[in-house]
Amino acid sequence: MQTRTNTRIISSIAALVCLFGVVLPWWPLSLAGVLLAAVWGNGALALGLGLVLDLVYGAPTGLLHPLAAPFFILALVCVAVRAVFMKQLRPGVVDRV
């Protein structure tokens, strides 16, 4: 029961951090919210936030122009890396993370 409550709290905090990153035009705060959701294990929320933030901020210009959706790509990479690392950990450790 405690884990489900912690996941809901962290998911809410990640969404609020992304919201504050959009309201205060500071994209690193939005990036932190996506990373928090992805690292904590809520991949669906991270990917959803990444898509929404990419729609809000639009395509990047300059050197990052080839990355059409940087928030979504970052969320996808973080979710994949977390999935690979969680398989590498011992079963007892995975329950505590």
Protein backbone atom coordinates (compact mmCIF):
# COMPACT_ATOMS: atom_id res chain seq x y z
CA MET A 1 0.00 0.00 0.00
CA GLN A 2 2.85 2.39 0.81
CA THR A 3 4.46 1.89 -2.61
CA ARG A 4 1.27 2.78 -4.47
CA THR A 5 0.90 5.95 -2.38
CA ASN A 6 4.53 6.92 -3.01
CA THR A 7 4.09 6.37 -6.74
CA ARG A 8 1.03 8.60 -6.81
CA ILE A 9 2.83 11.32 -4.87
CA ILE A 10 5.92 11.21 -7.10
CA SER A 11 3.73 11.18 -10.24
CA SER A 12 1.85 14.22 -8.99
CA ILE A 13 5.09 16.01 -8.16
CA ALA A 14 6.52 15.21 -11.61
CA ALA A 15 3.41 16.59 -13.33
CA LEU A 16 3.47 19.73 -11.17
CA VAL A 17 7.17 20.30 -11.88
CA CYS A 18 6.41 20.07 -15.62
CA LEU A 19 3.50 22.46 -15.22
CA PHE A 20 5.65 24.99 -13.38
CA GLY A 21 8.28 24.61 -16.10
CA VAL A 22 5.69 25.63 -18.69
CA VAL A 23 4.12 28.43 -16.64
CA LEU A 24 7.53 29.86 -15.72
CA PRO A 25 9.16 29.69 -19.15
CA TRP A 26 12.09 27.60 -17.99
CA TRP A 27 12.47 24.34 -19.91
CA PRO A 28 15.03 22.65 -17.57
CA LEU A 29 12.30 22.48 -14.92
CA SER A 30 10.03 20.68 -17.38
CA LEU A 31 12.91 18.39 -18.27
CA ALA A 32 13.37 17.56 -14.59
CA GLY A 33 9.70 16.58 -14.30
CA VAL A 34 9.97 14.20 -17.26
CA LEU A 35 13.17 12.68 -15.85
CA LEU A 36 11.60 12.27 -12.41
CA ALA A 37 8.64 10.39 -13.84
CA ALA A 38 10.85 8.18 -16.02
CA VAL A 39 13.39 7.32 -13.33
CA TRP A 40 10.74 6.65 -10.70
CA GLY A 41 9.18 4.03 -12.97
CA ASN A 42 6.11 5.70 -14.36
CA GLY A 43 6.98 5.35 -18.03
CA ALA A 44 3.52 6.09 -19.36
CA LEU A 45 3.43 9.41 -17.51
CA ALA A 46 6.94 10.29 -18.66
CA LEU A 47 6.12 9.57 -22.31
CA GLY A 48 2.83 11.45 -22.05
CA LEU A 49 4.49 14.46 -20.46
CA GLY A 50 7.21 14.34 -23.10
CA LEU A 51 4.65 14.41 -25.91
CA VAL A 52 2.68 17.24 -24.34
CA LEU A 53 5.81 19.30 -23.67
CA ASP A 54 7.00 18.78 -27.23
CA LEU A 55 3.67 20.12 -28.46
CA VAL A 56 3.86 23.10 -26.10
CA TYR A 57 7.47 24.09 -26.82
CA GLY A 58 7.51 23.10 -30.49
CA ALA A 59 10.47 21.87 -32.49
CA PRO A 60 13.88 23.11 -31.34
CA THR A 61 16.02 25.38 -33.46
CA GLY A 62 19.76 25.57 -33.89
CA LEU A 63 21.96 22.56 -33.14
CA LEU A 64 19.10 20.48 -31.73
CA HIS A 65 16.96 20.89 -34.85
CA PRO A 66 17.39 17.22 -35.96
CA LEU A 67 15.68 16.17 -32.73
CA ALA A 68 12.09 16.88 -33.63
CA ALA A 69 10.76 15.81 -30.21
CA PRO A 70 13.54 16.11 -27.60
CA PHE A 71 11.36 15.66 -24.49
CA PHE A 72 9.75 12.52 -25.86
CA ILE A 73 13.08 11.08 -27.03
CA LEU A 74 14.63 11.76 -23.63
CA ALA A 75 11.69 10.10 -21.87
CA LEU A 76 11.90 7.09 -24.19
CA VAL A 77 15.64 6.69 -23.57
CA CYS A 78 15.23 7.01 -19.79
CA VAL A 79 12.41 4.45 -19.69
CA ALA A 80 14.46 2.02 -21.79
CA VAL A 81 17.60 2.49 -19.68
CA ARG A 82 15.62 2.00 -16.48
CA ALA A 83 14.08 -1.20 -17.86
CA VAL A 84 17.50 -2.58 -18.78
CA PHE A 85 19.03 -1.69 -15.42
CA MET A 86 16.10 -3.11 -13.46
CA LYS A 87 16.62 -6.48 -15.18
CA GLN A 88 20.28 -6.42 -14.18
CA LEU A 89 19.61 -5.87 -10.48
CA ARG A 90 19.06 -8.68 -8.04
CA PRO A 91 15.40 -9.54 -7.30
CA GLY A 92 15.64 -8.33 -3.69
CA VAL A 93 16.96 -4.93 -4.74
CA VAL A 94 14.27 -4.36 -7.37
CA ASP A 95 11.52 -4.54 -4.74
CA ARG A 96 13.11 -1.72 -2.75
CA VAL A 97 13.77 0.62 -5.70
